Amino acid sequence: MKDLHKIFTEFKKDFPEVYANNEALGKEIHENSGPLPDKSRCLIKIGISGASRHLIALETHIMKAREAGVTDKEIKHALLMLIPTTGFSTFMEAYTVFKKMDKSK
């Protein structure tokens, strides 16, 4: 997957060892640390990113989820799950990220 954000490309250049170690840790946790299927893991990451208002991470996780075969309908459902726990405004922030990405497809 190409870098979505220039700052991430700069981070990789400035801190190559930190980047490599972080990627290795993420891969270990994502692929080898439990029984959840890939689509479920992707949707959980979308929920966490949206709930914590990490909008750059949310954009990245939406892109990765789409590459993993998660449908837009499934992504929207995951985003709607934010409303009862984190509130409507948090959902709207996350949904705005999703809709902006939708337009750039």
N, C-alpha and C. Protein backbone atom coordinates (compact mmCIF):
# COMPACT_ATOMS: atom_id res chain seq x y z
N MET A 1 0.84 -1.17 0.00
CA MET A 1 0.00 0.00 0.00
C MET A 1 0.89 1.24 0.00
N LYS A 2 0.56 2.19 -0.84
CA LYS A 2 1.33 3.43 -0.88
C LYS A 2 1.01 4.27 0.36
N ASP A 3 1.95 5.12 0.73
CA ASP A 3 1.74 6.00 1.87
C ASP A 3 0.65 7.01 1.52
N LEU A 4 -0.32 7.16 2.40
CA LEU A 4 -1.41 8.11 2.18
C LEU A 4 -1.05 9.51 2.63
N HIS A 5 -0.07 9.61 3.53
CA HIS A 5 0.24 10.89 4.14
C HIS A 5 1.74 11.17 4.03
N LYS A 6 2.07 12.35 3.56
CA LYS A 6 3.47 12.75 3.37
C LYS A 6 4.26 12.63 4.67
N ILE A 7 3.66 12.96 5.79
CA ILE A 7 4.36 12.92 7.06
C ILE A 7 4.82 11.50 7.40
N PHE A 8 4.04 10.50 7.00
CA PHE A 8 4.43 9.12 7.25
C PHE A 8 5.64 8.75 6.40
N THR A 9 5.68 9.20 5.17
CA THR A 9 6.85 8.97 4.31
C THR A 9 8.08 9.61 4.92
N GLU A 10 7.91 10.82 5.45
CA GLU A 10 9.03 11.51 6.10
C GLU A 10 9.48 10.78 7.36
N PHE A 11 8.53 10.29 8.13
CA PHE A 11 8.85 9.51 9.34
C PHE A 11 9.70 8.29 8.98
N LYS A 12 9.29 7.57 7.94
CA LYS A 12 10.03 6.36 7.53
C LYS A 12 11.46 6.71 7.13
N LYS A 13 11.63 7.84 6.46
CA LYS A 13 12.96 8.27 6.03
C LYS A 13 13.81 8.70 7.22
N ASP A 14 13.22 9.46 8.15
CA ASP A 14 13.96 9.99 9.29
C ASP A 14 14.26 8.94 10.36
N PHE A 15 13.40 7.95 10.50
CA PHE A 15 13.53 6.95 11.56
C PHE A 15 13.35 5.53 11.01
N PRO A 16 14.21 5.07 10.11
CA PRO A 16 13.99 3.77 9.46
C PRO A 16 13.96 2.59 10.42
N GLU A 17 14.77 2.60 11.45
CA GLU A 17 14.77 1.47 12.39
C GLU A 17 13.50 1.45 13.24
N VAL A 18 13.08 2.61 13.69
CA VAL A 18 11.83 2.69 14.47
C VAL A 18 10.67 2.24 13.60
N TYR A 19 10.64 2.70 12.36
CA TYR A 19 9.58 2.29 11.43
C TYR A 19 9.58 0.77 11.26
N ALA A 20 10.74 0.19 11.00
CA ALA A 20 10.83 -1.26 10.78
C ALA A 20 10.36 -2.03 12.00
N ASN A 21 10.77 -1.60 13.18
CA ASN A 21 10.36 -2.30 14.41
C ASN A 21 8.86 -2.15 14.66
N ASN A 22 8.33 -0.97 14.40
CA ASN A 22 6.90 -0.75 14.58
C ASN A 22 6.09 -1.61 13.60
N GLU A 23 6.55 -1.69 12.36
CA GLU A 23 5.86 -2.52 11.36
C GLU A 23 5.90 -3.99 11.76
N ALA A 24 7.05 -4.45 12.26
CA ALA A 24 7.18 -5.85 12.69
C ALA A 24 6.23 -6.16 13.84
N LEU A 25 6.16 -5.24 14.81
CA LEU A 25 5.24 -5.43 15.93
C LEU A 25 3.79 -5.46 15.45
N GLY A 26 3.43 -4.52 14.60
CA GLY A 26 2.07 -4.49 14.07
C GLY A 26 1.71 -5.75 13.31
N LYS A 27 2.65 -6.25 12.52
CA LYS A 27 2.41 -7.48 11.75
C LYS A 27 2.25 -8.67 12.69
N GLU A 28 3.09 -8.76 13.70
CA GLU A 28 2.99 -9.86 14.67
C GLU A 28 1.64 -9.86 15.37
N ILE A 29 1.22 -8.69 15.84
CA ILE A 29 -0.07 -8.60 16.54
C ILE A 29 -1.22 -8.89 15.58
N HIS A 30 -1.18 -8.31 14.40
CA HIS A 30 -2.28 -8.45 13.44
C HIS A 30 -2.42 -9.88 12.93
N GLU A 31 -1.30 -10.52 12.63
CA GLU A 31 -1.36 -11.81 11.94
C GLU A 31 -1.19 -13.04 12.84
N ASN A 32 -0.51 -12.90 13.97
CA ASN A 32 -0.12 -14.11 14.71
C ASN A 32 -0.54 -14.15 16.16
N SER A 33 -1.29 -13.18 16.64
CA SER A 33 -1.56 -13.12 18.07
C SER A 33 -2.96 -13.53 18.49
N GLY A 34 -3.74 -14.04 17.58
CA GLY A 34 -5.08 -14.45 17.97
C GLY A 34 -5.89 -15.00 16.81
N PRO A 35 -7.11 -15.44 17.11
CA PRO A 35 -7.92 -16.16 16.12
C PRO A 35 -8.81 -15.30 15.23
N LEU A 36 -8.84 -13.99 15.44
CA LEU A 36 -9.78 -13.17 14.66
C LEU A 36 -9.42 -13.18 13.18
N PRO A 37 -10.43 -13.33 12.32
CA PRO A 37 -10.16 -13.26 10.87
C PRO A 37 -9.79 -11.84 10.45
N ASP A 38 -9.16 -11.74 9.30
CA ASP A 38 -8.63 -10.48 8.80
C ASP A 38 -9.68 -9.38 8.74
N LYS A 39 -10.86 -9.67 8.19
CA LYS A 39 -11.90 -8.64 8.08
C LYS A 39 -12.31 -8.12 9.45
N SER A 40 -12.41 -9.00 10.42
CA SER A 40 -12.77 -8.56 11.77
C SER A 40 -11.69 -7.65 12.35
N ARG A 41 -10.44 -8.03 12.17
CA ARG A 41 -9.34 -7.20 12.67
C ARG A 41 -9.37 -5.82 12.02
N CYS A 42 -9.63 -5.78 10.73
CA CYS A 42 -9.70 -4.50 10.02
C CYS A 42 -10.82 -3.62 10.56
N LEU A 43 -11.98 -4.21 10.80
CA LEU A 43 -13.11 -3.44 11.30
C LEU A 43 -12.86 -2.95 12.73
N ILE A 44 -12.18 -3.77 13.53
CA ILE A 44 -11.84 -3.34 14.89
C ILE A 44 -10.90 -2.14 14.84
N LYS A 45 -9.92 -2.18 13.96
CA LYS A 45 -8.99 -1.06 13.83
C LYS A 45 -9.71 0.21 13.38
N ILE A 46 -10.69 0.08 12.50
CA ILE A 46 -11.50 1.23 12.09
C ILE A 46 -12.24 1.79 13.30
N GLY A 47 -12.85 0.92 14.09
CA GLY A 47 -13.59 1.36 15.27
C GLY A 47 -12.69 2.05 16.29
N ILE A 48 -11.53 1.48 16.54
CA ILE A 48 -10.60 2.07 17.50
C ILE A 48 -10.13 3.44 17.01
N SER A 49 -9.76 3.51 15.75
CA SER A 49 -9.27 4.78 15.19
C SER A 49 -10.35 5.85 15.22
N GLY A 50 -11.56 5.47 14.85
CA GLY A 50 -12.66 6.42 14.86
C GLY A 50 -13.02 6.87 16.26
N ALA A 51 -13.08 5.93 17.20
CA ALA A 51 -13.46 6.26 18.58
C ALA A 51 -12.42 7.15 19.25
N SER A 52 -11.16 6.94 18.92
CA SER A 52 -10.11 7.73 19.55
C SER A 52 -9.78 9.00 18.77
N ARG A 53 -10.52 9.21 17.69
CA ARG A 53 -10.38 10.41 16.85
C ARG A 53 -8.99 10.55 16.23
N HIS A 54 -8.40 9.41 15.93
CA HIS A 54 -7.13 9.40 15.20
C HIS A 54 -7.47 9.31 13.71
N LEU A 55 -7.76 10.45 13.11
CA LEU A 55 -8.34 10.47 11.78
C LEU A 55 -7.36 10.08 10.68
N ILE A 56 -6.08 10.34 10.87
CA ILE A 56 -5.10 9.87 9.89
C ILE A 56 -5.03 8.35 9.93
N ALA A 57 -5.01 7.78 11.14
CA ALA A 57 -5.02 6.32 11.27
C ALA A 57 -6.31 5.74 10.70
N LEU A 58 -7.42 6.41 10.93
CA LEU A 58 -8.70 5.94 10.41
C LEU A 58 -8.65 5.84 8.88
N GLU A 59 -8.13 6.87 8.25
CA GLU A 59 -8.03 6.84 6.79
C GLU A 59 -7.16 5.66 6.33
N THR A 60 -6.06 5.45 7.00
CA THR A 60 -5.17 4.33 6.66
C THR A 60 -5.89 3.00 6.85
N HIS A 61 -6.61 2.85 7.97
CA HIS A 61 -7.28 1.57 8.24
C HIS A 61 -8.46 1.33 7.29
N ILE A 62 -9.12 2.37 6.86
CA ILE A 62 -10.18 2.21 5.86
C ILE A 62 -9.58 1.71 4.55
N MET A 63 -8.47 2.29 4.14
CA MET A 63 -7.81 1.86 2.90
C MET A 63 -7.35 0.40 3.01
N LYS A 64 -6.73 0.04 4.12
CA LYS A 64 -6.28 -1.34 4.31
C LYS A 64 -7.46 -2.30 4.35
N ALA A 65 -8.55 -1.88 4.98
CA ALA A 65 -9.74 -2.74 5.04
C ALA A 65 -10.30 -3.00 3.65
N ARG A 66 -10.38 -1.95 2.84
CA ARG A 66 -10.86 -2.13 1.47
C ARG A 66 -9.97 -3.10 0.70
N GLU A 67 -8.66 -2.98 0.89
CA GLU A 67 -7.72 -3.88 0.22
C GLU A 67 -7.91 -5.32 0.69
N ALA A 68 -8.37 -5.49 1.93
CA ALA A 68 -8.60 -6.83 2.50
C ALA A 68 -9.98 -7.38 2.14
N GLY A 69 -10.76 -6.61 1.38
CA GLY A 69 -12.06 -7.10 0.93
C GLY A 69 -13.24 -6.68 1.80
N VAL A 70 -13.01 -5.79 2.75
CA VAL A 70 -14.11 -5.28 3.56
C VAL A 70 -14.93 -4.33 2.68
N THR A 71 -16.24 -4.49 2.72
CA THR A 71 -17.11 -3.67 1.88
C THR A 71 -17.37 -2.31 2.54
N ASP A 72 -17.77 -1.36 1.73
CA ASP A 72 -18.14 -0.05 2.27
C ASP A 72 -19.33 -0.16 3.22
N LYS A 73 -20.24 -1.07 2.94
CA LYS A 73 -21.38 -1.28 3.83
C LYS A 73 -20.90 -1.75 5.21
N GLU A 74 -19.92 -2.64 5.24
CA GLU A 74 -19.36 -3.12 6.51
C GLU A 74 -18.62 -1.99 7.25
N ILE A 75 -17.89 -1.17 6.49
CA ILE A 75 -17.17 -0.05 7.09
C ILE A 75 -18.17 0.94 7.70
N LYS A 76 -19.23 1.26 6.96
CA LYS A 76 -20.24 2.19 7.48
C LYS A 76 -20.89 1.64 8.75
N HIS A 77 -21.13 0.32 8.79
CA HIS A 77 -21.72 -0.28 9.98
C HIS A 77 -20.76 -0.13 11.16
N ALA A 78 -19.48 -0.39 10.93
CA ALA A 78 -18.49 -0.22 12.00
C ALA A 78 -18.47 1.22 12.50
N LEU A 79 -18.57 2.17 11.59
CA LEU A 79 -18.59 3.57 11.99
C LEU A 79 -19.85 3.92 12.77
N LEU A 80 -20.98 3.39 12.36
CA LEU A 80 -22.22 3.64 13.09
C LEU A 80 -22.15 3.13 14.53
N MET A 81 -21.35 2.10 14.75
CA MET A 81 -21.19 1.54 16.09
C MET A 81 -20.55 2.55 17.05
N LEU A 82 -19.96 3.61 16.52
CA LEU A 82 -19.38 4.65 17.37
C LEU A 82 -20.45 5.43 18.13
N ILE A 83 -21.61 5.60 17.54
CA ILE A 83 -22.62 6.51 18.09
C ILE A 83 -23.02 6.16 19.53
N PRO A 84 -23.39 4.91 19.85
CA PRO A 84 -23.84 4.65 21.22
C PRO A 84 -22.74 4.78 22.28
N THR A 85 -21.49 4.59 21.88
CA THR A 85 -20.41 4.60 22.85
C THR A 85 -19.69 5.94 22.93
N THR A 86 -19.41 6.56 21.77
CA THR A 86 -18.60 7.78 21.77
C THR A 86 -19.37 9.03 21.36
N GLY A 87 -20.59 8.84 20.87
CA GLY A 87 -21.43 9.97 20.53
C GLY A 87 -21.50 10.28 19.04
N PHE A 88 -22.52 11.06 18.71
CA PHE A 88 -22.79 11.38 17.32
C PHE A 88 -21.69 12.23 16.69
N SER A 89 -21.13 13.17 17.44
CA SER A 89 -20.11 14.04 16.86
C SER A 89 -18.84 13.26 16.50
N THR A 90 -18.48 12.29 17.32
CA THR A 90 -17.32 11.45 17.00
C THR A 90 -17.60 10.63 15.74
N PHE A 91 -18.81 10.09 15.65
CA PHE A 91 -19.20 9.37 14.44
C PHE A 91 -19.10 10.28 13.22
N MET A 92 -19.60 11.50 13.32
CA MET A 92 -19.60 12.40 12.18
C MET A 92 -18.18 12.74 11.73
N GLU A 93 -17.26 12.89 12.66
CA GLU A 93 -15.86 13.11 12.28
C GLU A 93 -15.34 11.93 11.47
N ALA A 94 -15.59 10.72 11.97
CA ALA A 94 -15.12 9.52 11.28
C ALA A 94 -15.84 9.33 9.95
N TYR A 95 -17.12 9.60 9.92
CA TYR A 95 -17.90 9.44 8.69
C TYR A 95 -17.44 10.43 7.63
N THR A 96 -17.03 11.62 8.05
CA THR A 96 -16.50 12.61 7.12
C THR A 96 -15.24 12.10 6.44
N VAL A 97 -14.36 11.46 7.21
CA VAL A 97 -13.15 10.86 6.63
C VAL A 97 -13.55 9.82 5.59
N PHE A 98 -14.48 8.95 5.95
CA PHE A 98 -14.94 7.91 5.03
C PHE A 98 -15.51 8.52 3.74
N LYS A 99 -16.37 9.52 3.88
CA LYS A 99 -17.00 10.11 2.70
C LYS A 99 -15.99 10.84 1.81
N LYS A 100 -15.01 11.49 2.41
CA LYS A 100 -13.97 12.14 1.60
C LYS A 100 -13.19 11.10 0.81
N MET A 101 -12.91 9.96 1.42
CA MET A 101 -12.21 8.89 0.73
C MET A 101 -13.09 8.30 -0.37
N ASP A 102 -14.36 8.23 -0.10
CA ASP A 102 -15.33 7.70 -1.06
C ASP A 102 -15.30 8.52 -2.36
N LYS A 103 -15.19 9.83 -2.21
CA LYS A 103 -15.17 10.72 -3.36
C LYS A 103 -13.88 10.62 -4.15
N SER A 104 -12.80 10.20 -3.50
CA SER A 104 -11.51 10.13 -4.18
C SER A 104 -11.23 8.76 -4.79
N LYS A 105 -12.18 7.84 -4.70
CA LYS A 105 -11.99 6.49 -5.26
C LYS A 105 -11.85 6.55 -6.76
